[in-house]
Amino acid sequence: MDIRRVQVTGGSSFVVTLPKEWTTAMKIQKNDPVRVTAQPDGTLLITPNLFEDQVSRVRAIDVSSCTSASFLFRSLIGTYIAGYSEITIGSKSRLPPFVRTVVRDFTQMTIGQEVMEETSTTIRIRDLLNPVELSFESTLKRMYVISRSMHEDAITAVQSRDNGLAADVIAEDRDVDRLQWLISRQTNMVMRNTSLMRRTGLSPVAIVSHAIVARVIERIADHAVRIATNCAALADRPLEPELAARLQAASAFSLEVFDKAAGSFFSHDMKLANQSIEEVRQAETLCEELHTQALSLPAKPAVALGYIAESIRRLGEYSGDIAEIVINDAVEKEN
């Protein structure tokens, strides 16, 4: 830590000298302008960059010795989430055949990534999306709508024994993943660039909250997939009316808790968030009753329905997590 004393010049101007090591590293000369930005927490940010343009970050990935398509795909996703604006994939010799397949899958599963140049030994991918072009809130609302629809469709597939609808639910999970990766990427980018953060209109705390909620909603979508996956095990016989009614009641109530939690986040409604949290226990009770009744079924459908009941319960619990974030943020704002 470098402590510097405030001096007064001209009788009214307060002056603090800049560290020489920093000015040398930033190549700041006499009479050069710097930007001084007041932060929400009262600190001052000093930067030599006077313009709003984004700093380009490039990462090179050498696949000369890479033999795993899954490892390369995970590396590309990690690089994307980290906020790199350009990715160069290269090899000392000809690129392995699987690399182009992985790159194609990567560009299809991410938002804004396009192949700009391709040779026998190199592929260059560039981000064409402005990091603040899509707002955090609009992306999060889309995730909420998709994941909610997935859950409803998954329950419908179980009740109607519709394996085609279950397959559609599983396929939709890809859209939720894409959006969650985008929010993670935007979070990393704006946290490194204060000018980008100002353009979002959100505080650092709010940005982190959006990223956490996005992760929670992505997990809710995963549980919708889990429900749809277990649909096949219940296809041999229709559910008894009483069991089907319990399934519908537990699902509808957990979705209601989810709706209130999401609504409280978007409206910053602390009372609605608290109501959502208080209803989580009731959702858990309905799921426990469903699970208990499922034990009367033969082994295969009993296990499948048990997994479904657990996923419905997790929907309610994850909704409570979202509501807790709303309350925590509201208390932070009051302080």
Protein backbone atom coordinates (compact mmCIF):
# COMPACT_ATOMS: atom_id res chain seq x y z
CA MET A 1 0.00 0.00 0.00
CA ASP A 2 1.29 3.43 -0.98
CA ILE A 3 0.15 6.24 1.36
CA ARG A 4 0.30 9.79 -0.04
CA ARG A 5 -0.59 13.04 1.69
CA VAL A 6 -3.03 15.53 0.22
CA GLN A 7 -1.49 18.95 -0.45
CA VAL A 8 -3.13 22.29 -1.15
CA THR A 9 -1.97 24.57 -3.96
CA GLY A 10 -3.28 28.00 -4.83
CA GLY A 11 -5.22 28.10 -1.61
CA SER A 12 -8.11 25.96 -2.89
CA SER A 13 -6.89 23.06 -5.05
CA PHE A 14 -6.19 19.69 -3.44
CA VAL A 15 -3.32 17.75 -5.03
CA VAL A 16 -2.05 14.15 -4.74
CA THR A 17 1.01 13.02 -6.68
CA LEU A 18 0.89 9.86 -8.82
CA PRO A 19 3.29 6.96 -8.20
CA LYS A 20 6.26 7.13 -10.58
CA GLU A 21 6.23 3.37 -11.20
CA TRP A 22 2.62 3.56 -12.40
CA THR A 23 3.10 6.62 -14.61
CA THR A 24 6.15 4.97 -16.19
CA ALA A 25 4.25 1.72 -16.84
CA MET A 26 1.32 3.66 -18.34
CA LYS A 27 3.73 5.86 -20.38
CA ILE A 28 2.26 9.06 -18.96
CA GLN A 29 4.20 12.21 -19.78
CA LYS A 30 4.04 15.77 -18.49
CA ASN A 31 0.70 17.49 -19.35
CA ASP A 32 -0.92 14.22 -20.45
CA PRO A 33 -4.61 14.03 -19.47
CA VAL A 34 -5.94 11.24 -17.25
CA ARG A 35 -9.51 10.32 -16.38
CA VAL A 36 -10.58 10.50 -12.72
CA THR A 37 -13.82 8.64 -12.00
CA ALA A 38 -15.66 8.63 -8.68
CA GLN A 39 -16.81 5.11 -7.75
CA PRO A 40 -20.04 4.27 -5.87
CA ASP A 41 -18.02 3.23 -2.80
CA GLY A 42 -16.33 6.64 -2.58
CA THR A 43 -12.99 5.64 -4.12
CA LEU A 44 -11.44 7.33 -7.15
CA LEU A 45 -10.38 5.49 -10.28
CA ILE A 46 -7.54 7.00 -12.30
CA THR A 47 -7.00 5.74 -15.84
CA PRO A 48 -4.92 7.01 -18.75
CA ASN A 49 -7.55 5.81 -21.26
CA LEU A 50 -9.82 8.77 -22.08
CA PHE A 51 -11.94 6.90 -24.57
CA GLU A 52 -14.75 4.39 -24.20
CA ASP A 53 -13.33 1.84 -26.62
CA GLN A 54 -12.87 -1.72 -25.43
CA VAL A 55 -9.42 -3.13 -24.84
CA SER A 56 -8.83 -6.04 -27.22
CA ARG A 57 -7.75 -9.27 -25.53
CA VAL A 58 -6.37 -12.10 -27.66
CA ARG A 59 -5.70 -15.68 -26.60
CA ALA A 60 -3.75 -18.22 -28.64
CA ILE A 61 -4.49 -21.94 -28.25
CA ASP A 62 -1.91 -24.42 -29.55
CA VAL A 63 -3.56 -27.71 -30.56
CA SER A 64 -0.41 -29.36 -31.88
CA SER A 65 -0.52 -32.01 -29.15
CA CYS A 66 -4.25 -31.85 -28.37
CA THR A 67 -6.16 -35.09 -28.97
CA SER A 68 -9.33 -34.44 -26.96
CA ALA A 69 -12.25 -32.68 -28.64
CA SER A 70 -14.04 -32.22 -25.31
CA PHE A 71 -10.98 -30.60 -23.72
CA LEU A 72 -10.63 -28.17 -26.64
CA PHE A 73 -14.33 -27.29 -26.46
CA ARG A 74 -14.11 -26.61 -22.71
CA SER A 75 -11.03 -24.46 -23.29
CA LEU A 76 -12.89 -22.42 -25.90
CA ILE A 77 -15.89 -21.95 -23.60
CA GLY A 78 -13.57 -20.91 -20.76
CA THR A 79 -11.84 -18.41 -23.02
CA TYR A 80 -15.20 -17.05 -24.17
CA ILE A 81 -16.46 -16.62 -20.60
CA ALA A 82 -13.18 -14.96 -19.59
CA GLY A 83 -14.00 -12.18 -22.04
CA TYR A 84 -11.36 -12.55 -24.75
CA SER A 85 -12.28 -10.65 -27.91
CA GLU A 86 -10.24 -12.85 -30.23
CA ILE A 87 -9.17 -16.50 -30.15
CA THR A 88 -6.47 -17.94 -32.39
CA ILE A 89 -6.27 -21.72 -32.71
CA GLY A 90 -3.02 -22.89 -34.26
CA SER A 91 -0.94 -25.97 -34.91
CA LYS A 92 2.66 -26.48 -35.99
CA SER A 93 1.39 -28.80 -38.71
CA ARG A 94 -2.03 -29.29 -40.29
CA LEU A 95 -4.95 -28.84 -37.88
CA PRO A 96 -6.42 -32.15 -36.65
CA PRO A 97 -9.80 -32.89 -38.33
CA PHE A 98 -11.76 -32.69 -35.04
CA VAL A 99 -10.68 -29.08 -34.45
CA ARG A 100 -12.95 -27.67 -37.16
CA THR A 101 -15.88 -29.67 -35.81
CA VAL A 102 -15.26 -28.31 -32.31
CA VAL A 103 -14.94 -24.75 -33.63
CA ARG A 104 -18.20 -25.09 -35.53
CA ASP A 105 -19.98 -26.35 -32.40
CA PHE A 106 -18.43 -23.56 -30.35
CA THR A 107 -19.54 -20.76 -32.68
CA GLN A 108 -23.06 -22.24 -32.85
CA MET A 109 -23.37 -22.54 -29.07
CA THR A 110 -22.04 -19.09 -28.20
CA ILE A 111 -23.37 -15.62 -29.00
CA GLY A 112 -21.32 -13.26 -31.16
CA GLN A 113 -18.44 -15.60 -32.03
CA GLU A 114 -17.56 -15.91 -35.73
CA VAL A 115 -14.68 -17.46 -37.68
CA MET A 116 -12.88 -14.57 -39.41
CA GLU A 117 -9.93 -16.44 -40.93
CA GLU A 118 -9.12 -20.07 -41.60
CA THR A 119 -6.07 -21.81 -43.05
CA SER A 120 -4.70 -25.33 -42.87
CA THR A 121 -2.83 -24.47 -39.66
CA THR A 122 -4.81 -21.60 -38.11
CA ILE A 123 -8.37 -20.60 -37.25
CA ARG A 124 -9.10 -17.10 -35.99
CA ILE A 125 -12.34 -16.46 -34.10
CA ARG A 126 -13.51 -12.94 -33.27
CA ASP A 127 -16.25 -11.57 -31.04
CA LEU A 128 -18.65 -9.39 -33.07
CA LEU A 129 -21.00 -8.52 -30.21
CA ASN A 130 -20.82 -5.30 -28.25
CA PRO A 131 -20.61 -6.45 -24.60
CA VAL A 132 -23.29 -3.96 -23.49
CA GLU A 133 -25.54 -4.37 -26.54
CA LEU A 134 -27.63 -7.00 -24.72
CA SER A 135 -28.58 -5.85 -21.23
CA PHE A 136 -28.13 -8.14 -18.25
CA GLU A 137 -31.81 -7.86 -17.37
CA SER A 138 -33.16 -8.69 -20.83
CA THR A 139 -30.90 -11.74 -21.06
CA LEU A 140 -31.94 -12.88 -17.60
CA LYS A 141 -35.63 -12.42 -18.41
CA ARG A 142 -35.23 -14.57 -21.49
CA MET A 143 -33.53 -17.27 -19.42
CA TYR A 144 -36.42 -17.17 -16.96
CA VAL A 145 -39.06 -17.50 -19.69
CA ILE A 146 -37.27 -20.41 -21.39
CA SER A 147 -36.55 -22.35 -18.19
CA ARG A 148 -40.12 -21.89 -16.95
CA SER A 149 -41.49 -23.13 -20.26
CA MET A 150 -39.10 -26.09 -20.11
CA HIS A 151 -40.43 -27.11 -16.72
CA GLU A 152 -44.07 -26.85 -17.79
CA ASP A 153 -43.40 -28.84 -20.97
CA ALA A 154 -41.45 -31.49 -19.05
CA ILE A 155 -44.37 -32.04 -16.64
CA THR A 156 -46.79 -32.16 -19.57
CA ALA A 157 -44.56 -34.74 -21.28
CA VAL A 158 -44.63 -36.91 -18.14
CA GLN A 159 -48.41 -36.68 -17.79
CA SER A 160 -49.12 -37.34 -21.47
CA ARG A 161 -46.22 -39.79 -21.94
CA ASP A 162 -44.99 -37.65 -24.83
CA ASN A 163 -41.35 -38.55 -25.49
CA GLY A 164 -41.19 -36.11 -28.41
CA LEU A 165 -42.05 -33.18 -26.16
CA ALA A 166 -39.52 -34.45 -23.61
CA ALA A 167 -36.85 -34.43 -26.34
CA ASP A 168 -37.74 -30.80 -27.17
CA VAL A 169 -37.23 -29.85 -23.52
CA ILE A 170 -33.78 -31.44 -23.50
CA ALA A 171 -32.85 -29.57 -26.69
CA GLU A 172 -33.98 -26.22 -25.24
CA ASP A 173 -31.41 -26.48 -22.46
CA ARG A 174 -28.81 -25.43 -25.00
CA ASP A 175 -30.44 -21.98 -25.31
CA VAL A 176 -30.32 -21.47 -21.53
CA ASP A 177 -26.65 -22.49 -21.46
CA ARG A 178 -25.82 -20.00 -24.22
CA LEU A 179 -27.45 -17.16 -22.32
CA GLN A 180 -25.82 -18.09 -19.03
CA TRP A 181 -22.40 -18.17 -20.70
CA LEU A 182 -23.13 -14.75 -22.20
CA ILE A 183 -23.93 -13.23 -18.81
CA SER A 184 -20.78 -14.77 -17.31
CA ARG A 185 -18.75 -13.33 -20.18
CA GLN A 186 -20.31 -9.87 -19.85
CA THR A 187 -19.68 -9.93 -16.11
CA ASN A 188 -15.98 -10.63 -16.59
CA MET A 189 -15.66 -7.97 -19.28
CA VAL A 190 -17.38 -5.11 -17.45
CA MET A 191 -15.56 -5.88 -14.21
CA ARG A 192 -12.30 -5.24 -16.05
CA ASN A 193 -13.48 -2.08 -17.81
CA THR A 194 -15.09 0.71 -15.81
CA SER A 195 -16.30 2.53 -18.92
CA LEU A 196 -18.25 -0.58 -19.96
CA MET A 197 -19.65 -0.87 -16.45
CA ARG A 198 -20.93 2.71 -16.53
CA ARG A 199 -22.67 2.02 -19.84
CA THR A 200 -24.57 -0.91 -18.32
CA GLY A 201 -26.12 1.41 -15.74
CA LEU A 202 -25.54 -1.22 -13.04
CA SER A 203 -23.36 -1.23 -9.95
CA PRO A 204 -20.75 -3.97 -9.43
CA VAL A 205 -23.01 -5.54 -6.77
CA ALA A 206 -25.97 -5.62 -9.18
CA ILE A 207 -23.86 -7.15 -11.94
CA VAL A 208 -22.65 -9.93 -9.66
CA SER A 209 -26.24 -10.55 -8.51
CA HIS A 210 -27.38 -10.95 -12.12
CA ALA A 211 -24.56 -13.42 -12.74
CA ILE A 212 -25.50 -15.47 -9.65
CA VAL A 213 -29.21 -15.52 -10.55
CA ALA A 214 -28.33 -16.56 -14.11
CA ARG A 215 -26.42 -19.53 -12.71
CA VAL A 216 -29.37 -20.46 -10.48
CA ILE A 217 -31.82 -20.31 -13.42
CA GLU A 218 -29.45 -22.45 -15.48
CA ARG A 219 -29.63 -25.10 -12.75
CA ILE A 220 -33.42 -24.87 -12.75
CA ALA A 221 -33.33 -25.60 -16.48
CA ASP A 222 -31.07 -28.58 -15.79
CA HIS A 223 -33.73 -30.00 -13.48
CA ALA A 224 -36.36 -29.55 -16.21
CA VAL A 225 -34.08 -31.67 -18.39
CA ARG A 226 -33.87 -34.23 -15.60
CA ILE A 227 -37.68 -34.43 -15.46
CA ALA A 228 -37.86 -34.86 -19.24
CA THR A 229 -35.14 -37.54 -19.16
CA ASN A 230 -37.19 -39.61 -16.72
CA CYS A 231 -40.28 -39.37 -18.91
CA ALA A 232 -39.37 -42.56 -20.81
CA ALA A 233 -39.46 -44.65 -17.62
CA LEU A 234 -43.13 -43.71 -17.12
CA ALA A 235 -44.20 -44.33 -20.72
CA ASP A 236 -45.42 -47.89 -20.16
CA ARG A 237 -48.40 -46.99 -17.99
CA PRO A 238 -50.48 -43.86 -17.34
CA LEU A 239 -50.27 -42.24 -13.95
CA GLU A 240 -53.14 -42.90 -11.57
CA PRO A 241 -55.47 -39.86 -11.31
CA GLU A 242 -54.53 -39.13 -7.71
CA LEU A 243 -50.81 -39.38 -8.45
CA ALA A 244 -51.16 -37.21 -11.56
CA ALA A 245 -53.03 -34.62 -9.48
CA ARG A 246 -50.26 -34.56 -6.85
CA LEU A 247 -47.65 -34.18 -9.60
CA GLN A 248 -49.54 -31.24 -11.12
CA ALA A 249 -50.12 -29.57 -7.75
CA ALA A 250 -46.46 -29.81 -6.69
CA SER A 251 -45.25 -28.54 -10.06
CA ALA A 252 -47.73 -25.65 -10.22
CA PHE A 253 -46.92 -24.49 -6.69
CA SER A 254 -43.14 -24.61 -7.25
CA LEU A 255 -43.58 -22.66 -10.49
CA GLU A 256 -45.59 -20.08 -8.56
CA VAL A 257 -42.73 -19.72 -6.09
CA PHE A 258 -40.36 -19.33 -9.05
CA ASP A 259 -42.57 -16.66 -10.61
CA LYS A 260 -42.66 -14.64 -7.39
CA ALA A 261 -38.90 -14.94 -6.88
CA ALA A 262 -38.11 -13.86 -10.44
CA GLY A 263 -40.69 -11.08 -10.26
CA SER A 264 -39.19 -9.78 -7.03
CA PHE A 265 -35.73 -9.70 -8.61
CA PHE A 266 -36.83 -7.72 -11.67
CA SER A 267 -39.03 -5.34 -9.62
CA HIS A 268 -36.70 -5.16 -6.57
CA ASP A 269 -39.70 -6.07 -4.41
CA MET A 270 -38.42 -7.14 -1.00
CA LYS A 271 -41.88 -8.13 0.31
CA LEU A 272 -42.57 -10.36 -2.70
CA ALA A 273 -39.17 -11.96 -2.23
CA ASN A 274 -39.95 -12.70 1.41
CA GLN A 275 -43.29 -14.24 0.42
CA SER A 276 -41.48 -16.50 -2.04
CA ILE A 277 -39.07 -17.69 0.64
CA GLU A 278 -41.89 -18.45 3.07
CA GLU A 279 -43.63 -20.62 0.46
CA VAL A 280 -40.59 -22.80 -0.25
CA ARG A 281 -41.37 -25.08 2.69
CA GLN A 282 -44.90 -25.69 1.40
CA ALA A 283 -43.48 -26.62 -2.00
CA GLU A 284 -41.13 -29.08 -0.29
CA THR A 285 -44.06 -30.66 1.57
CA LEU A 286 -45.99 -31.22 -1.66
CA CYS A 287 -42.92 -32.86 -3.22
CA GLU A 288 -42.44 -35.10 -0.18
CA GLU A 289 -46.06 -36.27 -0.46
CA LEU A 290 -45.57 -36.96 -4.17
CA HIS A 291 -42.40 -38.93 -3.47
CA THR A 292 -44.08 -40.97 -0.74
CA GLN A 293 -46.97 -41.95 -2.99
CA ALA A 294 -44.54 -42.86 -5.78
CA LEU A 295 -43.09 -45.60 -3.57
CA SER A 296 -46.26 -47.65 -4.17
CA LEU A 297 -45.33 -48.05 -7.84
CA PRO A 298 -43.08 -50.75 -9.32
CA ALA A 299 -39.34 -50.10 -9.02
CA LYS A 300 -38.65 -48.48 -12.40
CA PRO A 301 -41.46 -45.87 -12.41
CA ALA A 302 -41.04 -45.33 -8.65
CA VAL A 303 -37.39 -44.36 -9.10
CA ALA A 304 -38.22 -42.12 -12.08
CA LEU A 305 -41.04 -40.35 -10.25
CA GLY A 306 -38.78 -39.95 -7.22
CA TYR A 307 -36.23 -38.12 -9.38
CA ILE A 308 -39.02 -35.96 -10.81
CA ALA A 309 -40.30 -35.06 -7.34
CA GLU A 310 -36.74 -34.13 -6.32
CA SER A 311 -36.35 -31.85 -9.35
CA ILE A 312 -39.65 -30.11 -8.59
CA ARG A 313 -38.44 -29.61 -5.02
CA ARG A 314 -35.17 -28.14 -6.29
CA LEU A 315 -37.15 -25.68 -8.42
CA GLY A 316 -38.76 -24.33 -5.25
CA GLU A 317 -35.47 -24.23 -3.31
CA TYR A 318 -33.57 -22.49 -6.11
CA SER A 319 -36.40 -19.95 -6.30
CA GLY A 320 -35.86 -19.27 -2.60
CA ASP A 321 -32.16 -18.66 -3.35
CA ILE A 322 -33.12 -16.00 -5.91
CA ALA A 323 -35.44 -14.33 -3.40
CA GLU A 324 -32.67 -14.27 -0.79
CA ILE A 325 -30.42 -12.43 -3.25
CA VAL A 326 -33.17 -9.82 -3.69
CA ILE A 327 -33.36 -9.23 0.06
CA ASN A 328 -29.59 -9.11 0.46
CA ASP A 329 -29.29 -6.55 -2.34
CA ALA A 330 -32.11 -4.45 -0.88
CA VAL A 331 -30.37 -4.34 2.51
CA GLU A 332 -27.10 -3.38 0.79
CA LYS A 333 -28.81 -0.50 -1.02
CA GLU A 334 -30.31 0.77 2.23
CA ASN A 335 -26.84 0.89 3.75
